[in-house]
Amino acid sequence: MNLLNKCTDKEVKLMKNAGVYLEDKDYSSEELKRIEYNITEYIMNHSSKDGSIGRLQNEYDSIYRTLNIE
């Protein structure tokens, strides 16, 4: 799956914020799992006390859906 073609500009920007830089290529299922793991790691490194984790989970929800299509 080519994530640059599947994701919106906003989703690409969110992934960059999480340290995931996309290339114009077809990603293997292993690479997609790694991307999902990196995004989860980014979210979980935030504070639950101020609601950051919940807010970020909502922001990244569409990306998780896209990653789990394959």
C-alpha atoms as a PDB file:
ATOM      1  CA  MET A   1       0.000   0.000   0.000  1.00  0.00           C
ATOM      2  CA  ASN A   2       1.299   3.441  -0.916  1.00  0.00           C
ATOM      3  CA  LEU A   3       0.486   5.596   2.102  1.00  0.00           C
ATOM      4  CA  LEU A   4       1.249   8.864   0.320  1.00  0.00           C
ATOM      5  CA  ASN A   5      -1.622   8.074  -2.070  1.00  0.00           C
ATOM      6  CA  LYS A   6      -3.971   6.834   0.685  1.00  0.00           C
ATOM      7  CA  CYS A   7      -3.452   9.534   3.326  1.00  0.00           C
ATOM      8  CA  THR A   8      -4.601  13.142   3.356  1.00  0.00           C
ATOM      9  CA  ASP A   9      -2.136  16.007   3.743  1.00  0.00           C
ATOM     10  CA  LYS A  10      -3.267  16.373   7.357  1.00  0.00           C
ATOM     11  CA  GLU A  11      -2.553  12.684   8.041  1.00  0.00           C
ATOM     12  CA  VAL A  12       0.897  12.946   6.442  1.00  0.00           C
ATOM     13  CA  LYS A  13       1.637  15.955   8.670  1.00  0.00           C
ATOM     14  CA  LEU A  14       0.458  14.046  11.759  1.00  0.00           C
ATOM     15  CA  MET A  15       2.761  11.162  10.868  1.00  0.00           C
ATOM     16  CA  LYS A  16       5.680  13.567  10.483  1.00  0.00           C
ATOM     17  CA  ASN A  17       4.896  14.878  13.965  1.00  0.00           C
ATOM     18  CA  ALA A  18       5.186  11.292  15.186  1.00  0.00           C
ATOM     19  CA  GLY A  19       8.548  10.867  13.438  1.00  0.00           C
ATOM     20  CA  VAL A  20       7.182   8.840  10.507  1.00  0.00           C
ATOM     21  CA  TYR A  21       8.376  10.176   7.160  1.00  0.00           C
ATOM     22  CA  LEU A  22       6.599   8.626   4.187  1.00  0.00           C
ATOM     23  CA  GLU A  23       8.118   7.818   0.835  1.00  0.00           C
ATOM     24  CA  ASP A  24       6.322   7.397  -2.462  1.00  0.00           C
ATOM     25  CA  LYS A  25       6.439   3.593  -2.446  1.00  0.00           C
ATOM     26  CA  ASP A  26       4.389   0.510  -1.678  1.00  0.00           C
ATOM     27  CA  TYR A  27       4.890  -0.457   1.948  1.00  0.00           C
ATOM     28  CA  SER A  28       4.994  -4.107   2.990  1.00  0.00           C
ATOM     29  CA  SER A  29       2.762  -5.354   5.794  1.00  0.00           C
ATOM     30  CA  GLU A  30       5.849  -5.463   8.037  1.00  0.00           C
ATOM     31  CA  GLU A  31       6.600  -1.801   7.311  1.00  0.00           C
ATOM     32  CA  LEU A  32       2.974  -0.851   7.977  1.00  0.00           C
ATOM     33  CA  LYS A  33       3.111  -2.601  11.350  1.00  0.00           C
ATOM     34  CA  ARG A  34       6.302  -0.709  12.187  1.00  0.00           C
ATOM     35  CA  ILE A  35       4.652   2.593  11.267  1.00  0.00           C
ATOM     36  CA  GLU A  36       1.655   1.729  13.445  1.00  0.00           C
ATOM     37  CA  TYR A  37       3.991   0.842  16.324  1.00  0.00           C
ATOM     38  CA  ASN A  38       5.894   4.137  15.960  1.00  0.00           C
ATOM     39  CA  ILE A  39       2.665   6.145  16.041  1.00  0.00           C
ATOM     40  CA  THR A  40       1.454   4.249  19.115  1.00  0.00           C
ATOM     41  CA  GLU A  41       4.792   4.852  20.818  1.00  0.00           C
ATOM     42  CA  TYR A  42       4.528   8.573  20.045  1.00  0.00           C
ATOM     43  CA  ILE A  43       1.022   8.771  21.507  1.00  0.00           C
ATOM     44  CA  MET A  44       1.876   6.795  24.631  1.00  0.00           C
ATOM     45  CA  ASN A  45       4.855   9.064  25.381  1.00  0.00           C
ATOM     46  CA  HIS A  46       2.403  11.868  26.175  1.00  0.00           C
ATOM     47  CA  SER A  47       0.698  12.606  29.469  1.00  0.00           C
ATOM     48  CA  SER A  48      -2.608  11.003  30.354  1.00  0.00           C
ATOM     49  CA  LYS A  49      -3.134  13.552  33.138  1.00  0.00           C
ATOM     50  CA  ASP A  50      -3.809  16.443  30.784  1.00  0.00           C
ATOM     51  CA  GLY A  51      -5.778  14.349  28.278  1.00  0.00           C
ATOM     52  CA  SER A  52      -3.062  14.373  25.606  1.00  0.00           C
ATOM     53  CA  ILE A  53      -3.217  10.618  24.987  1.00  0.00           C
ATOM     54  CA  GLY A  54      -6.968  10.607  24.350  1.00  0.00           C
ATOM     55  CA  ARG A  55      -6.764  13.667  22.119  1.00  0.00           C
ATOM     56  CA  LEU A  56      -3.922  12.174  20.082  1.00  0.00           C
ATOM     57  CA  GLN A  57      -5.722   8.825  19.762  1.00  0.00           C
ATOM     58  CA  ASN A  58      -8.662  10.678  18.245  1.00  0.00           C
ATOM     59  CA  GLU A  59      -6.397  12.653  15.896  1.00  0.00           C
ATOM     60  CA  TYR A  60      -4.599   9.524  14.664  1.00  0.00           C
ATOM     61  CA  ASP A  61      -7.711   7.321  14.442  1.00  0.00           C
ATOM     62  CA  SER A  62      -8.115   7.730  10.671  1.00  0.00           C
ATOM     63  CA  ILE A  63      -4.461   6.779  10.155  1.00  0.00           C
ATOM     64  CA  TYR A  64      -4.947   3.600  12.194  1.00  0.00           C
ATOM     65  CA  ARG A  65      -7.969   2.736  10.048  1.00  0.00           C
ATOM     66  CA  THR A  66      -5.937   3.270   6.873  1.00  0.00           C
ATOM     67  CA  LEU A  67      -3.066   1.136   8.170  1.00  0.00           C
ATOM     68  CA  ASN A  68      -5.412  -1.704   9.082  1.00  0.00           C
ATOM     69  CA  ILE A  69      -7.165  -1.861   5.715  1.00  0.00           C
ATOM     70  CA  GLU A  70      -4.567  -4.230   4.291  1.00  0.00           C
END
